[in-house]
Amino acid sequence: MKGRYLNEKDIKEKSKIAVIGRLVARDIFKQEDPLGKFINIGSRAFKVVGVFQDSGGDVEESKIFMPYTTRQQILMGSDKIGNIALTFNPEIGASGAVKLGDDIKKFLKEKKSIDPTDPSGLFIRNVADEIERSMQFAGVLQIIVTFVGIGTLIAGIIGISNIMVFIVKERTKELGIRKALGASPSEIIKMIITESIFITAVSGIFGMVGGILILNSFDTGLHEYFITRPGVNIGIAVAATILLIVFGVVAGYLPAKRAAQIKPIIALRDE
């Protein structure tokens, strides 16, 4: 939080001030400090006294807050309050927030003599409840993605193994010539394993970069599902790439060992 938030004095004096979200500040003021500057809302100028960040993501950080009394004054002196937004202490957690919403709904229905069974008499939107459901969905999705990722990794290992077997088969004559010219079995193995490491490293890096670009392209379209700032966990991506390289070495070693054992005379006959 930069600057300050709204206070009782602002509400009492109907001050024309605003507290804006981080994205609002970025879009309007770019790199400038917005504190003390003015923004136009409708035909009125409001002084920016604070800039906030919110863990709720881009949707929350695109909001602007002003004293509700100022808003009432803009609506030609009406004292009507159309809705009330409340925040909760994060320490109570999502389940506590859901219970808080239910308690508030029950209290207001009793206060306004609304039938408890009337679904349209009072509307309360509990974002915590929506987030809890979204997190449950995200948990299931994460399990699915994990299995897909493991399957993809296994497919990649099998693919690299097949590629290395094919490469060694196609280069049998070349390997025979190298051995005839004095190359030792360890040099043959080292050469093939180096190629295997190169193939897996390049494939892993291209896959990681491609994944990051694809996720960035989805960024703005996922906000309504409470998915904000999607990205790749660099630690996991690097670990997967290293694991792929390790298995690539194993996959390359077996055909490399067979190639190193080929007698030059047999390799030179191979067509």
Protein backbone atom coordinates (compact mmCIF):
# COMPACT_ATOMS: atom_id res chain seq x y z
CA MET A 1 0.00 0.00 0.00
CA LYS A 2 1.36 3.38 -1.03
CA GLY A 3 -0.14 6.51 0.48
CA ARG A 4 -3.22 5.92 2.64
CA TYR A 5 -6.68 4.43 2.56
CA LEU A 6 -10.04 6.16 3.09
CA ASN A 7 -10.88 7.29 6.63
CA GLU A 8 -13.88 8.62 8.57
CA LYS A 9 -12.92 12.24 7.87
CA ASP A 10 -13.07 11.58 4.12
CA ILE A 11 -16.53 10.05 4.52
CA LYS A 12 -17.81 12.88 6.72
CA GLU A 13 -16.48 15.65 4.45
CA LYS A 14 -17.51 13.85 1.24
CA SER A 15 -13.98 14.35 -0.05
CA LYS A 16 -13.29 13.94 -3.76
CA ILE A 17 -10.43 11.54 -3.30
CA ALA A 18 -9.74 8.05 -4.58
CA VAL A 19 -7.67 5.01 -3.73
CA ILE A 20 -6.76 3.15 -6.90
CA GLY A 21 -5.52 -0.35 -7.66
CA ARG A 22 -2.01 -1.11 -8.88
CA LEU A 23 -3.16 -1.81 -12.44
CA VAL A 24 -5.17 1.43 -12.58
CA ALA A 25 -2.05 3.34 -11.55
CA ARG A 26 0.03 1.50 -14.14
CA ASP A 27 -2.41 2.09 -17.00
CA ILE A 28 -3.08 5.77 -16.27
CA PHE A 29 0.19 7.07 -14.86
CA LYS A 30 2.67 4.60 -16.42
CA GLN A 31 5.95 5.04 -14.52
CA GLU A 32 4.93 8.24 -12.69
CA ASP A 33 4.05 8.40 -9.00
CA PRO A 34 0.22 8.76 -8.90
CA LEU A 35 0.03 10.06 -5.32
CA GLY A 36 -1.27 13.63 -5.25
CA LYS A 37 -2.31 13.58 -8.91
CA PHE A 38 -5.89 13.70 -10.22
CA ILE A 39 -8.00 11.28 -12.23
CA ASN A 40 -11.28 12.09 -13.95
CA ILE A 41 -14.26 9.90 -13.05
CA GLY A 42 -17.18 11.00 -15.14
CA SER A 43 -17.00 14.80 -15.18
CA ARG A 44 -15.33 15.12 -11.78
CA ALA A 45 -11.68 15.17 -10.76
CA PHE A 46 -10.57 13.00 -7.85
CA LYS A 47 -7.26 13.29 -6.06
CA VAL A 48 -5.32 10.03 -5.71
CA VAL A 49 -4.32 9.50 -2.07
CA GLY A 50 -3.39 5.81 -2.18
CA VAL A 51 -2.43 2.88 -4.38
CA PHE A 52 -3.16 -0.66 -3.20
CA GLN A 53 -2.16 -4.17 -4.14
CA ASP A 54 -4.42 -7.16 -3.65
CA SER A 55 -3.67 -10.87 -3.54
CA GLY A 56 -6.98 -11.39 -5.37
CA GLY A 57 -5.13 -10.58 -8.59
CA ASP A 58 -5.72 -8.35 -11.56
CA VAL A 59 -9.50 -8.05 -11.16
CA GLU A 60 -9.18 -6.59 -7.66
CA GLU A 61 -6.23 -4.38 -8.60
CA SER A 62 -8.30 -2.79 -11.39
CA LYS A 63 -10.74 -1.20 -8.91
CA ILE A 64 -11.09 2.38 -7.65
CA PHE A 65 -12.43 3.27 -4.18
CA MET A 66 -13.95 6.58 -3.06
CA PRO A 67 -15.96 7.62 0.05
CA TYR A 68 -19.50 6.27 -0.22
CA THR A 69 -20.84 9.69 0.82
CA THR A 70 -19.10 11.21 -2.18
CA ARG A 71 -20.73 8.61 -4.39
CA GLN A 72 -24.13 9.40 -2.86
CA GLN A 73 -23.58 13.10 -3.56
CA ILE A 74 -22.78 12.33 -7.18
CA LEU A 75 -26.13 10.55 -7.41
CA MET A 76 -27.98 13.83 -6.80
CA GLY A 77 -28.07 13.66 -3.02
CA SER A 78 -29.44 10.14 -2.71
CA ASP A 79 -28.63 8.36 0.57
CA LYS A 80 -29.37 4.94 -0.91
CA ILE A 81 -26.72 2.26 -0.53
CA GLY A 82 -26.98 -0.33 -3.27
CA ASN A 83 -24.46 -2.79 -1.91
CA ILE A 84 -21.95 -3.29 0.88
CA ALA A 85 -18.55 -4.91 0.40
CA LEU A 86 -16.83 -6.44 3.42
CA THR A 87 -13.38 -7.91 3.84
CA PHE A 88 -12.38 -10.53 6.38
CA ASN A 89 -9.31 -11.29 8.43
CA PRO A 90 -7.21 -13.75 6.36
CA GLU A 91 -6.43 -15.66 9.56
CA ILE A 92 -9.94 -17.17 9.61
CA GLY A 93 -9.32 -18.82 6.25
CA ALA A 94 -11.71 -19.55 3.38
CA SER A 95 -14.01 -21.80 5.43
CA GLY A 96 -14.26 -19.10 8.12
CA ALA A 97 -15.13 -16.53 5.47
CA VAL A 98 -17.89 -18.76 4.10
CA LYS A 99 -19.35 -19.14 7.61
CA LEU A 100 -19.07 -15.36 8.12
CA GLY A 101 -21.08 -14.78 4.95
CA ASP A 102 -23.79 -17.19 6.10
CA ASP A 103 -23.96 -15.48 9.51
CA ILE A 104 -24.27 -12.03 7.91
CA LYS A 105 -27.03 -13.24 5.62
CA LYS A 106 -28.95 -14.73 8.54
CA PHE A 107 -28.52 -11.55 10.61
CA LEU A 108 -29.70 -9.22 7.82
CA LYS A 109 -32.75 -11.36 7.05
CA GLU A 110 -33.77 -11.25 10.69
CA LYS A 111 -33.04 -7.50 10.86
CA LYS A 112 -35.14 -6.72 7.78
CA SER A 113 -37.84 -9.32 8.54
CA ILE A 114 -37.11 -11.28 5.38
CA ASP A 115 -38.39 -14.84 5.16
CA PRO A 116 -35.37 -17.13 5.69
CA THR A 117 -36.58 -19.34 2.83
CA ASP A 118 -36.92 -16.41 0.38
CA PRO A 119 -33.95 -16.70 -2.03
CA SER A 120 -34.59 -13.33 -3.72
CA GLY A 121 -35.15 -11.19 -0.63
CA LEU A 122 -31.46 -10.68 -0.01
CA PHE A 123 -28.50 -11.36 -2.26
CA ILE A 124 -25.05 -11.98 -0.82
CA ARG A 125 -22.14 -12.86 -3.05
CA ASN A 126 -19.40 -14.51 -1.05
CA VAL A 127 -16.20 -14.43 -3.08
CA ALA A 128 -14.51 -16.71 -0.53
CA ASP A 129 -17.07 -19.41 -1.32
CA GLU A 130 -16.39 -19.03 -5.03
CA ILE A 131 -12.64 -19.13 -4.45
CA GLU A 132 -12.98 -22.26 -2.30
CA ARG A 133 -14.84 -24.03 -5.11
CA SER A 134 -12.29 -22.78 -7.63
CA MET A 135 -9.44 -24.05 -5.46
CA GLN A 136 -11.06 -27.49 -5.26
CA PHE A 137 -11.30 -27.50 -9.05
CA ALA A 138 -7.69 -26.29 -9.28
CA GLY A 139 -6.60 -29.14 -7.00
CA VAL A 140 -8.22 -31.74 -9.26
CA LEU A 141 -6.79 -29.99 -12.31
CA GLN A 142 -3.32 -30.02 -10.77
CA ILE A 143 -3.51 -33.79 -10.23
CA ILE A 144 -4.58 -34.28 -13.85
CA VAL A 145 -1.81 -31.99 -15.11
CA THR A 146 0.74 -33.87 -12.96
CA PHE A 147 -0.23 -37.21 -14.51
CA VAL A 148 -0.20 -35.67 -17.99
CA GLY A 149 3.23 -34.21 -17.27
CA ILE A 150 4.59 -37.56 -16.07
CA GLY A 151 3.13 -39.27 -19.15
CA THR A 152 4.68 -36.63 -21.41
CA LEU A 153 8.05 -37.07 -19.69
CA ILE A 154 7.90 -40.85 -20.17
CA ALA A 155 6.92 -40.37 -23.82
CA GLY A 156 9.87 -38.01 -24.23
CA ILE A 157 12.26 -40.55 -22.72
CA ILE A 158 10.96 -43.28 -25.05
CA GLY A 159 11.22 -40.91 -28.00
CA ILE A 160 14.83 -40.02 -27.17
CA SER A 161 15.68 -43.72 -26.82
CA ASN A 162 14.25 -44.45 -30.26
CA ILE A 163 16.07 -41.46 -31.77
CA MET A 164 19.41 -42.56 -30.32
CA VAL A 165 18.94 -46.16 -31.52
CA PHE A 166 18.13 -44.82 -35.00
CA ILE A 167 21.12 -42.44 -34.99
CA VAL A 168 23.53 -45.20 -33.97
CA LYS A 169 22.08 -47.57 -36.58
CA GLU A 170 22.43 -44.97 -39.35
CA ARG A 171 26.01 -44.17 -38.35
CA THR A 172 27.27 -47.73 -37.97
CA LYS A 173 29.71 -47.36 -40.87
CA GLU A 174 30.97 -44.01 -39.56
CA LEU A 175 31.56 -45.51 -36.13
CA GLY A 176 33.41 -48.43 -37.72
CA ILE A 177 35.69 -46.01 -39.58
CA ARG A 178 36.37 -44.12 -36.36
CA LYS A 179 37.32 -47.35 -34.60
CA ALA A 180 39.51 -48.38 -37.54
CA LEU A 181 41.30 -45.04 -37.27
CA GLY A 182 42.03 -45.63 -33.60
CA ALA A 183 39.00 -44.34 -31.69
CA SER A 184 38.59 -46.19 -28.40
CA PRO A 185 35.25 -47.61 -27.22
CA SER A 186 35.12 -44.97 -24.47
CA GLU A 187 35.48 -42.19 -27.07
CA ILE A 188 32.63 -43.66 -29.13
CA ILE A 189 30.42 -43.86 -26.03
CA LYS A 190 31.35 -40.32 -24.98
CA MET A 191 30.51 -38.94 -28.44
CA ILE A 192 27.06 -40.56 -28.58
CA ILE A 193 26.18 -39.62 -24.99
CA THR A 194 27.21 -36.00 -25.70
CA GLU A 195 24.82 -35.96 -28.66
CA SER A 196 22.09 -37.42 -26.46
CA ILE A 197 22.65 -34.69 -23.84
CA PHE A 198 22.53 -32.01 -26.56
CA ILE A 199 19.25 -33.32 -28.00
CA THR A 200 17.52 -33.58 -24.62
CA ALA A 201 18.83 -30.21 -23.37
CA VAL A 202 17.72 -28.34 -26.50
CA SER A 203 14.33 -30.10 -26.48
CA GLY A 204 13.82 -29.32 -22.78
CA ILE A 205 14.73 -25.64 -23.15
CA PHE A 206 12.50 -25.18 -26.21
CA GLY A 207 9.64 -26.92 -24.40
CA MET A 208 10.06 -24.73 -21.31
CA VAL A 209 10.17 -21.50 -23.34
CA GLY A 210 7.17 -22.63 -25.40
CA GLY A 211 5.19 -23.40 -22.24
CA ILE A 212 5.94 -19.97 -20.79
CA LEU A 213 4.84 -18.22 -24.00
CA ILE A 214 1.60 -20.22 -24.18
CA LEU A 215 0.73 -19.45 -20.54
CA ASN A 216 1.44 -15.75 -21.06
CA SER A 217 -0.94 -15.73 -24.04
CA PHE A 218 -3.72 -17.10 -21.78
CA ASP A 219 -3.10 -14.54 -19.00
CA THR A 220 -5.96 -12.10 -19.60
CA GLY A 221 -8.57 -14.75 -20.43
CA LEU A 222 -8.46 -16.63 -17.12
CA HIS A 223 -9.35 -13.88 -14.63
CA GLU A 224 -13.03 -14.85 -14.49
CA TYR A 225 -11.95 -18.28 -13.20
CA PHE A 226 -9.81 -16.68 -10.44
CA ILE A 227 -6.67 -17.79 -12.27
CA THR A 228 -4.35 -14.79 -12.23
CA ARG A 229 -0.78 -14.43 -13.39
CA PRO A 230 -0.39 -18.02 -14.63
CA GLY A 231 3.22 -19.02 -14.99
CA VAL A 232 5.72 -21.82 -15.02
CA ASN A 233 7.41 -22.85 -11.80
CA ILE A 234 11.02 -22.41 -12.91
CA GLY A 235 12.28 -24.85 -10.28
CA ILE A 236 9.98 -27.63 -11.49
CA ALA A 237 10.73 -26.84 -15.15
CA VAL A 238 14.50 -26.97 -14.58
CA ALA A 239 14.16 -30.18 -12.53
CA ALA A 240 12.11 -31.80 -15.33
CA THR A 241 14.70 -30.72 -17.91
CA ILE A 242 17.56 -32.13 -15.80
CA LEU A 243 15.60 -35.37 -15.30
CA LEU A 244 15.04 -35.58 -19.05
CA ILE A 245 18.77 -35.08 -19.66
CA VAL A 246 19.64 -37.80 -17.12
CA PHE A 247 17.29 -40.27 -18.77
CA GLY A 248 18.61 -39.10 -22.13
CA VAL A 249 22.10 -40.13 -21.02
CA VAL A 250 20.76 -43.53 -19.95
CA ALA A 251 18.85 -43.85 -23.23
CA GLY A 252 21.96 -42.95 -25.21
CA TYR A 253 24.33 -45.18 -23.23
CA LEU A 254 22.81 -48.52 -24.25
CA PRO A 255 23.04 -48.01 -28.04
CA ALA A 256 26.40 -46.28 -27.53
CA LYS A 257 27.75 -49.31 -25.68
CA ARG A 258 26.56 -51.64 -28.44
CA ALA A 259 28.10 -49.37 -31.07
CA ALA A 260 31.41 -49.32 -29.21
CA GLN A 261 31.51 -53.13 -29.26
CA ILE A 262 31.02 -53.40 -33.04
CA LYS A 263 34.09 -54.68 -34.84
CA PRO A 264 35.32 -52.25 -37.54
CA ILE A 265 35.25 -54.92 -40.28
CA ILE A 266 31.59 -55.73 -39.53
CA ALA A 267 30.62 -52.04 -39.33
CA LEU A 268 32.27 -51.28 -42.68
CA ARG A 269 30.26 -54.08 -44.35
CA ASP A 270 26.96 -52.67 -43.02
CA GLU A 271 24.71 -51.06 -45.65
